[in-house]
Protein backbone atom coordinates (compact mmCIF):
# COMPACT_ATOMS: atom_id res chain seq x y z
CA MET A 1 1.97 -4.53 -14.68
CA ASN A 2 0.38 -7.03 -16.55
CA LEU A 3 -0.65 -6.45 -20.38
CA SER A 4 -3.45 -7.33 -22.24
CA SER A 5 -4.97 -7.92 -25.60
CA PHE A 6 -8.54 -8.34 -26.77
CA PHE A 7 -9.08 -9.73 -30.37
CA ASN A 8 -12.26 -10.31 -32.79
CA SER A 9 -13.21 -10.19 -35.92
CA ASP A 10 -14.67 -11.21 -38.97
CA SER A 11 -13.84 -15.04 -39.49
CA SER A 12 -15.03 -14.63 -43.53
CA ARG A 13 -11.65 -12.60 -43.94
CA ILE A 14 -9.25 -14.21 -42.41
CA PRO A 15 -6.16 -15.05 -44.96
CA LYS A 16 -5.52 -18.86 -44.81
CA ARG A 17 -2.38 -19.93 -43.27
CA GLY A 18 -3.32 -23.74 -43.55
CA VAL A 19 -6.01 -25.09 -40.96
CA SER A 20 -4.62 -25.30 -37.80
CA TRP A 21 -3.87 -21.17 -37.90
CA GLY A 22 -7.18 -20.83 -39.42
CA TRP A 23 -8.29 -22.41 -35.81
CA LEU A 24 -6.41 -19.85 -33.86
CA LEU A 25 -7.34 -17.10 -36.17
CA LEU A 26 -10.58 -17.78 -36.30
CA LEU A 27 -10.32 -18.02 -32.51
CA ILE A 28 -9.20 -14.51 -32.05
CA ALA A 29 -12.07 -13.86 -34.96
CA CYS A 30 -14.92 -15.09 -32.19
CA GLY A 31 -13.57 -12.74 -29.48
CA SER A 32 -10.02 -12.00 -28.06
CA CYS A 33 -7.64 -14.65 -27.30
CA PRO A 34 -8.58 -17.11 -23.94
CA ALA A 35 -5.59 -16.90 -22.83
CA THR A 36 -5.00 -13.64 -23.03
CA GLU A 37 -8.32 -11.83 -22.24
CA VAL A 38 -8.75 -13.95 -18.50
CA SER A 39 -5.18 -13.27 -17.91
CA ALA A 40 -6.11 -9.30 -18.81
CA GLN A 41 -8.89 -9.58 -16.47
CA THR A 42 -7.33 -11.55 -13.53
CA GLN A 43 -4.09 -10.24 -13.71
CA GLY A 44 -4.02 -7.42 -15.54
CA HIS A 45 -5.23 -5.56 -13.16
CA SER A 46 -2.67 -5.94 -10.41
CA PHE A 47 -5.07 -4.87 -7.27
CA ASP A 48 -2.40 -3.87 -4.75
CA THR A 49 -3.03 -3.81 -1.17
CA SER A 50 0.23 -2.03 -0.24
CA ARG A 51 -1.99 1.26 -0.08
CA ALA A 52 -5.08 -0.20 -0.15
CA VAL A 53 -5.28 -1.20 3.59
CA GLY A 54 -6.49 2.36 4.34
CA GLY A 55 -7.51 1.47 8.00
CA ARG A 56 -5.08 0.73 10.81
CA PHE A 57 -6.27 -0.97 14.70
CA PRO A 58 -6.56 2.37 16.66
CA SER A 59 -3.98 2.66 18.84
CA ASP A 60 -4.01 2.08 22.48
CA GLN A 61 -5.06 5.31 24.70
CA SER A 62 -2.73 6.24 27.40
CA PHE A 63 -3.53 6.55 31.21
CA SER A 64 -2.99 9.48 33.48
CA PRO A 65 0.36 8.63 35.29
CA TRP A 66 -0.06 7.21 38.88
CA GLN A 67 -0.19 10.26 42.14
CA THR A 68 2.03 10.56 45.02
CA ASN A 69 1.95 12.67 47.78
CA LYS A 70 4.24 15.99 48.04
CA LEU A 71 7.18 14.50 49.68
CA ALA A 72 6.99 11.57 47.32
CA GLN A 73 7.12 13.78 44.17
CA LYS A 74 9.89 15.90 45.56
CA LEU A 75 11.75 12.65 46.33
CA LEU A 76 11.51 11.73 42.62
CA THR A 77 12.28 15.63 41.32
CA ARG A 78 14.94 16.79 43.83
CA PRO A 79 16.09 14.38 46.33
CA GLU A 80 17.97 17.17 47.88
CA SER A 81 15.02 19.50 48.45
CA ALA A 82 13.35 16.80 49.94
CA ALA A 83 16.00 15.70 52.65
CA HIS A 84 16.25 19.04 53.57
CA ASP A 85 12.39 19.15 54.73
CA LEU A 86 13.43 15.46 56.65
CA THR A 87 16.27 17.08 58.33
CA GLU A 88 14.15 20.01 59.06
CA GLY A 89 11.80 18.11 60.65
CA ALA A 90 13.70 15.97 63.11
CA ILE A 91 15.55 19.20 64.22
CA ALA A 92 12.14 20.72 64.97
CA SER A 93 11.27 17.41 66.69
CA SER A 94 14.29 17.76 68.70
CA VAL A 95 13.59 21.44 69.58
CA ARG A 96 9.99 20.64 70.84
CA GLN A 97 11.52 17.99 73.40
CA GLY A 98 14.56 20.23 74.60
CA THR A 99 17.56 18.12 72.96
CA LEU A 100 18.37 20.85 70.73
CA PRO A 101 18.45 24.70 71.03
CA PRO A 102 16.22 26.53 69.15
CA SER A 103 18.95 28.00 66.72
CA THR A 104 19.34 24.82 65.18
CA LEU A 105 15.89 25.33 63.27
CA GLY A 106 17.01 26.13 59.74
CA GLN A 107 20.50 24.64 59.45
CA ASN A 108 20.33 22.01 56.56
CA PRO A 109 23.81 19.38 58.01
CA LEU A 110 23.78 17.88 54.30
CA GLU A 111 24.62 21.44 53.01
CA SER A 112 26.58 23.36 55.33
CA SER A 113 29.63 26.32 54.55
CA GLU A 114 31.82 28.84 56.40
CA GLU A 115 29.44 31.59 55.48
CA GLU A 116 26.87 29.65 56.93
CA ASN A 117 28.06 28.71 60.10
CA ILE A 118 28.78 32.87 60.63
CA GLU A 119 25.59 33.53 60.05
CA SER A 120 24.41 31.22 62.45
CA ALA A 121 26.41 32.18 64.97
CA ASP A 122 25.60 35.98 64.73
CA GLU A 123 22.10 34.53 64.71
CA ALA A 124 22.34 32.68 67.95
CA GLU A 125 24.05 35.82 69.29
CA ALA A 126 21.02 37.94 68.44
CA ALA A 127 18.49 35.15 69.74
CA ASP A 128 19.92 35.16 73.25
CA SER A 129 18.41 38.90 73.68
CA THR A 130 15.10 38.05 72.32
CA GLU A 131 12.00 36.75 73.35
CA GLY A 132 10.69 33.54 71.84
CA ASP A 133 8.20 31.11 72.14
CA ASP A 134 9.01 28.43 75.34
CA GLU A 135 8.00 25.29 73.35
CA LEU A 136 9.21 26.63 69.57
CA GLY A 137 11.57 28.95 70.44
CA ILE A 138 12.62 31.73 67.96
CA LEU A 139 11.24 31.18 64.11
CA ARG A 140 12.91 32.33 61.37
CA LEU A 141 11.94 33.10 58.33
CA GLN A 142 13.60 32.39 55.15
CA GLU A 143 13.91 33.86 51.50
CA ARG A 144 12.49 32.11 49.08
CA PRO A 145 14.58 32.40 45.85
CA VAL A 146 13.47 33.78 42.60
CA GLY A 147 11.76 30.33 40.24
CA ALA A 148 11.26 28.34 43.50
CA ASP A 149 8.04 26.43 44.16
CA MET A 150 7.39 25.29 47.57
CA ASP A 151 6.82 21.90 46.99
CA LEU A 152 9.34 21.16 44.06
CA GLY A 153 12.17 23.72 45.20
CA ILE A 154 14.28 25.53 42.41
CA LEU A 155 13.34 24.31 39.02
CA ARG A 156 16.73 23.76 36.83
CA ILE A 157 16.21 23.90 32.98
CA ARG A 158 19.12 22.10 31.35
CA GLU A 159 19.14 22.74 27.60
CA ILE A 160 18.72 19.74 25.21
CA ASP A 161 21.01 18.77 23.14
CA GLU A 162 20.68 19.06 19.18
CA LEU A 163 18.82 15.91 17.61
CA PRO A 164 21.17 14.48 14.89
CA PRO A 165 19.73 15.08 11.22
CA GLU A 166 17.10 12.81 10.27
CA PRO A 167 18.46 10.15 7.95
CA ILE A 168 17.71 10.65 4.55
CA PRO A 169 15.07 7.86 2.97
CA ALA A 170 16.58 5.43 -0.01
CA PRO A 171 15.50 5.62 -3.22
CA SER A 172 12.10 3.50 -3.84
CA PRO A 173 13.24 1.00 -6.61
CA SER A 174 11.91 1.53 -10.40
CA VAL A 175 13.07 -1.40 -11.96
CA PHE A 176 11.21 -4.71 -11.69
CA LEU A 177 11.30 -8.27 -12.64
CA THR A 178 8.11 -10.24 -12.99
CA GLY A 179 6.43 -13.09 -13.81
CA ARG A 180 3.20 -15.61 -14.33
CA ALA A 181 2.03 -19.15 -14.36
CA GLY A 182 -1.49 -19.50 -15.07
CA ALA A 183 -3.92 -22.11 -16.04
CA PHE A 184 -7.27 -21.27 -17.47
CA GLY A 185 -10.77 -23.14 -18.66
CA ASN A 186 -13.88 -21.83 -20.08
CA THR A 187 -17.01 -23.56 -21.43
CA ASN A 188 -17.03 -21.29 -24.56
CA LEU A 189 -12.97 -20.84 -25.98
CA PHE A 190 -14.17 -20.10 -29.78
CA ARG A 191 -17.30 -17.89 -28.67
CA ALA A 192 -19.17 -20.34 -31.40
CA ILE A 193 -23.10 -20.87 -31.32
CA GLU A 194 -21.98 -24.23 -30.95
CA PRO A 195 -19.85 -24.10 -27.42
CA GLN A 196 -16.44 -26.03 -27.04
CA GLY A 197 -14.48 -25.74 -23.56
CA GLU A 198 -10.90 -25.94 -23.32
CA GLN A 199 -7.91 -25.35 -21.24
CA VAL A 200 -5.14 -22.95 -21.54
CA TYR A 201 -1.97 -22.45 -19.66
CA ARG A 202 0.64 -19.04 -19.68
CA VAL A 203 3.77 -18.29 -18.53
CA GLY A 204 5.84 -15.60 -19.08
CA LEU A 205 8.50 -13.38 -17.93
CA GLY A 206 8.92 -9.42 -18.13
CA LEU A 207 11.11 -6.08 -17.24
CA PHE A 208 9.48 -3.02 -16.62
CA ALA A 209 10.92 0.46 -15.84
CA PHE A 210 9.12 3.05 -13.41
CA PRO A 211 11.36 5.69 -13.42
CA GLU A 212 10.66 9.39 -11.50
CA ILE A 213 10.90 12.45 -13.61
CA THR A 214 8.97 14.73 -11.48
CA GLU A 215 6.84 14.50 -8.43
CA GLY A 216 3.78 12.36 -9.14
CA THR A 217 4.91 11.27 -12.72
CA ASN A 218 6.96 8.13 -13.84
CA LEU A 219 7.60 7.10 -16.98
CA ILE A 220 7.05 3.67 -18.00
CA ALA A 221 8.90 0.96 -19.99
CA GLY A 222 8.85 -2.64 -20.39
CA ILE A 223 8.99 -5.70 -22.49
CA GLU A 224 7.59 -9.23 -21.99
CA GLY A 225 7.14 -12.55 -23.43
CA ASN A 226 4.72 -15.09 -22.89
CA LEU A 227 4.50 -18.89 -23.96
CA VAL A 228 0.25 -20.32 -24.38
CA ARG A 229 -0.31 -23.58 -24.80
CA TYR A 230 -3.61 -25.18 -25.17
CA GLY A 231 -4.35 -28.56 -23.45
CA GLN A 232 -6.28 -29.99 -26.83
CA LEU A 233 -5.93 -27.78 -29.89
CA ASN A 234 -2.03 -27.98 -29.78
CA GLU A 235 -2.15 -26.71 -33.18
CA VAL A 236 -2.85 -23.43 -32.57
CA ASN A 237 -0.15 -22.58 -29.34
CA TYR A 238 1.54 -19.64 -30.01
CA ASN A 239 4.15 -17.59 -28.42
CA GLU A 240 3.23 -13.74 -27.25
CA LEU A 241 6.46 -10.99 -27.48
CA GLN A 242 5.13 -7.52 -26.01
CA LEU A 243 6.54 -4.22 -25.42
CA GLN A 244 5.31 -0.61 -24.07
CA ALA A 245 6.03 3.00 -23.07
CA GLY A 246 3.94 5.34 -21.96
CA ILE A 247 3.84 8.09 -19.19
CA ARG A 248 1.42 8.47 -15.64
CA GLN A 249 0.73 10.63 -13.85
CA ARG A 250 -1.34 11.29 -10.06
CA LEU A 251 -3.73 13.73 -10.49
CA SER A 252 -4.62 13.35 -6.79
CA GLU A 253 -4.20 11.41 -3.85
CA ARG A 254 -6.07 8.39 -4.85
CA THR A 255 -6.57 8.82 -8.89
CA TYR A 256 -3.84 8.77 -11.51
CA GLY A 257 -4.43 8.45 -15.45
CA GLN A 258 -1.74 6.91 -17.54
CA ILE A 259 -1.20 7.11 -21.58
CA SER A 260 0.73 4.50 -23.25
CA TRP A 261 2.12 2.90 -26.37
CA ARG A 262 1.84 -0.87 -26.63
CA ASN A 263 3.35 -3.69 -29.29
CA GLN A 264 2.07 -7.06 -29.58
CA ARG A 265 3.24 -9.89 -32.01
CA LEU A 266 2.10 -13.84 -32.14
CA TYR A 267 3.98 -16.26 -33.05
CA VAL A 268 4.25 -19.70 -34.21
CA PRO A 269 6.22 -21.41 -31.79
CA GLY A 270 9.61 -22.02 -33.43
CA GLY A 271 8.33 -20.22 -36.77
CA ASP A 272 7.27 -16.91 -38.22
CA GLU A 273 4.96 -14.06 -36.85
CA PHE A 274 1.33 -14.40 -38.05
CA PHE A 275 -0.88 -11.57 -36.21
CA SER A 276 0.67 -8.17 -34.87
CA THR A 277 -0.83 -5.02 -33.31
CA ASP A 278 -0.19 -1.62 -32.22
CA TYR A 279 -2.66 0.06 -29.07
CA VAL A 280 -2.76 3.76 -27.97
CA GLU A 281 -4.35 3.40 -25.08
CA LEU A 282 -5.73 6.08 -22.29
CA LEU A 283 -6.20 4.69 -18.89
CA LEU A 284 -7.81 6.05 -15.50
CA SER A 285 -7.47 4.80 -12.08
CA ARG A 286 -8.93 5.50 -8.87
CA ARG A 287 -8.91 3.85 -5.39
CA ASP A 288 -11.08 4.52 -2.32
CA ILE A 289 -11.12 3.47 0.64
CA LEU A 290 -14.19 2.47 2.23
CA SER A 291 -13.16 0.84 6.03
CA TYR A 292 -9.78 -0.28 7.65
CA ASN A 293 -10.24 -3.19 5.32
CA MET A 294 -12.44 -2.81 2.30
CA TRP A 295 -11.96 -0.48 -0.53
CA LEU A 296 -13.12 0.05 -4.54
CA ASP A 297 -10.49 0.20 -7.31
CA SER A 298 -12.25 1.54 -10.58
CA TYR A 299 -10.50 1.87 -13.76
CA TYR A 300 -11.77 3.75 -17.37
CA GLN A 301 -9.38 2.49 -20.66
CA ALA A 302 -9.94 3.34 -23.85
CA ARG A 303 -7.58 2.46 -26.43
CA VAL A 304 -7.15 2.21 -30.31
CA SER A 305 -5.62 -0.97 -31.97
CA PHE A 306 -4.01 -0.93 -35.12
CA SER A 307 -3.96 -4.81 -36.48
CA GLN A 308 -2.73 -6.78 -39.29
CA PRO A 309 -4.55 -8.72 -40.55
CA ASP A 310 -6.92 -5.54 -40.20
CA THR A 311 -9.85 -6.44 -39.34
CA PHE A 312 -8.96 -6.81 -35.60
CA SER A 313 -8.73 -2.88 -35.97
CA ARG A 314 -11.22 -1.40 -33.17
CA PHE A 315 -11.51 1.20 -30.85
CA SER A 316 -12.81 -0.60 -27.79
CA GLN A 317 -14.19 0.91 -24.05
CA SER A 318 -13.94 -0.47 -20.69
CA VAL A 319 -15.02 0.00 -17.60
CA THR A 320 -14.11 -2.25 -14.40
CA ALA A 321 -15.14 -1.64 -10.76
CA SER A 322 -13.45 -3.75 -8.34
CA LEU A 323 -14.73 -4.32 -4.70
CA ASN A 324 -12.19 -5.89 -2.19
CA TYR A 325 -12.19 -6.91 1.47
CA GLY A 326 -9.20 -8.00 3.44
CA PHE A 327 -9.74 -10.56 6.04
CA THR A 328 -6.08 -10.28 7.11
CA ARG A 329 -2.77 -8.52 5.90
CA GLN A 330 -2.38 -11.91 3.35
CA LEU A 331 -5.74 -12.62 2.31
CA ARG A 332 -8.82 -10.90 0.38
CA ALA A 333 -11.46 -11.41 -1.76
CA THR A 334 -12.36 -9.17 -4.38
CA ILE A 335 -15.62 -9.09 -6.88
CA ILE A 336 -14.73 -7.95 -9.99
CA TYR A 337 -17.84 -6.47 -12.79
CA GLN A 338 -16.73 -5.05 -16.27
CA LEU A 339 -17.90 -3.68 -18.81
CA PHE A 340 -16.64 -3.92 -22.50
CA LEU A 341 -18.18 -1.97 -25.62
CA ASP A 342 -15.72 -2.80 -29.18
CA ASP A 343 -16.55 -1.11 -32.67
CA TYR A 344 -14.55 -2.46 -35.20
CA THR A 345 -13.57 0.02 -37.72
CA GLN A 346 -12.51 -2.43 -40.75
CA ILE A 347 -15.71 -4.58 -40.63
CA ALA A 348 -19.07 -4.07 -40.05
CA ARG A 349 -19.16 -5.15 -36.40
CA TYR A 350 -20.08 -3.92 -33.39
CA ASP A 351 -20.11 -6.29 -29.59
CA THR A 352 -21.40 -5.18 -25.81
CA TYR A 353 -20.42 -7.76 -22.90
CA HIS A 354 -20.32 -8.08 -19.44
CA GLN A 355 -17.80 -10.22 -17.46
CA ALA A 356 -18.62 -10.83 -13.65
CA LEU A 357 -15.62 -12.45 -11.35
CA GLY A 358 -14.64 -13.80 -7.65
CA GLN A 359 -11.51 -13.92 -7.26
CA LEU A 360 -9.52 -14.80 -3.91
CA THR A 361 -6.27 -13.78 -3.64
CA TYR A 362 -3.20 -14.40 -1.03
CA ASP A 363 0.11 -13.11 -0.57
CA LEU A 364 2.77 -15.59 -0.28
CA SER A 365 5.18 -12.90 -0.11
CA PRO A 366 5.72 -9.15 -0.03
CA SER A 367 6.33 -9.43 -3.80
CA SER A 368 4.62 -12.50 -4.78
CA ARG A 369 1.03 -13.77 -4.95
CA LEU A 370 -1.31 -16.78 -5.69
CA ASN A 371 -4.99 -16.03 -7.09
CA LEU A 372 -7.97 -18.19 -7.88
CA PHE A 373 -10.68 -17.41 -9.85
CA THR A 374 -13.71 -17.67 -11.25
CA GLY A 375 -16.55 -15.99 -13.24
CA TYR A 376 -19.46 -15.36 -15.93
CA ARG A 377 -19.33 -13.58 -19.31
CA PHE A 378 -22.49 -12.97 -21.02
CA GLY A 379 -23.20 -10.47 -24.14
CA GLN A 380 -24.01 -9.95 -27.50
CA SER A 381 -22.85 -9.02 -30.86
CA SER A 382 -23.83 -7.49 -34.12
CA LEU A 383 -22.80 -10.66 -35.90
CA ASP A 384 -25.08 -13.72 -35.38
CA THR A 385 -22.53 -15.85 -35.24
CA VAL A 386 -21.17 -14.78 -31.94
CA ASN A 387 -22.05 -16.12 -28.85
CA PHE A 388 -20.62 -14.51 -25.24
CA GLU A 389 -21.82 -16.80 -22.58
CA ASP A 390 -19.15 -18.70 -21.25
CA PHE A 391 -18.12 -19.55 -17.92
CA ILE A 392 -14.76 -19.10 -16.58
CA TYR A 393 -12.05 -20.71 -14.09
CA GLY A 394 -8.80 -20.51 -13.27
CA ALA A 395 -5.40 -20.02 -10.77
CA SER A 396 -2.48 -17.86 -11.53
CA TYR A 397 1.08 -17.14 -9.71
CA ASN A 398 2.67 -13.63 -10.16
CA PHE A 399 5.87 -12.14 -8.92
CA SER A 400 7.28 -8.70 -8.79
CA LEU A 401 10.95 -8.21 -7.76
CA PRO A 402 12.39 -5.13 -7.11
CA LEU A 403 16.22 -4.76 -8.86
CA PHE A 404 17.03 -1.45 -8.22
């Protein structure tokens, strides 16, 4: 899970902490910190394909088994019955040729007993006094046992041993170690009338837990730390610490809702805290499978922030649509559109801006991925000194390792 924040305010009310931090607060006042926001857009929504690729290649069709003649079927299913038929045929042929007496018909030399021999002797005596056909002799009729098939013989039903119980699946991990490293660039870092480009580098580690309390309901708890460094403006580098807690509820098979609290603090490298804010957030998310390798993710987020300095406090709403296409199980392309509405509560300012991104993601392993992205931002503000036009580009690496 990636956490993001957006900062905007009127630079005229920024408390003076020296020229260098005035620059950073001016950056925040002109909008959200680029490192934080770009990370939010490209990493904050983790477009996980483990549940996304809803399609599977159709399974191979099974063909009808090959057919055999009746004798071959009997050899496969009941060899002793087939052998009996072969023996009967040989005896009948011998009788017709005169090499065996007619009384031999009906006997199976492979299965004989004393009782059968006695019955055969009695029948032979009776045959002497009975007139028969000159060629075939006396034809005897045998009773067919109940349940016997003319071709297959007696079908025996064998009891099937009880199957062993299915193994209980191992519980899914609920605690994860996460990490990120990214480099971002833009053409209008401060969102000013006169654009100034800059490069931002960000690395961080986090620990998150998602224990399940009931079916479809999870608690959320996490802590994350990041180091943010600028390519040219080293005087505005900062360290970041975030804490989060909340609850996530699955609303349907493809939809979930989340309510959470998040605290963000920014520090001078090796120094004091200069910014803090508390967020109360509502998130609704849905995934729609369009084909076996294409899906659409959609998000709605609303949040209220209480910041120090209070000029950053605001009510924000955002809508995100993300269209994903999987070339393979590892490689996918994403087109992202986002709409942001920011209403500042302590100053007279209202912002509306849009962001369109293209992203290419490659899964290096089941728990790590590499992202390349580029995009464009545009919009308007009630303040004449804010210019949202900005070109964005960058790359990032993310991993999430299950611990237990």
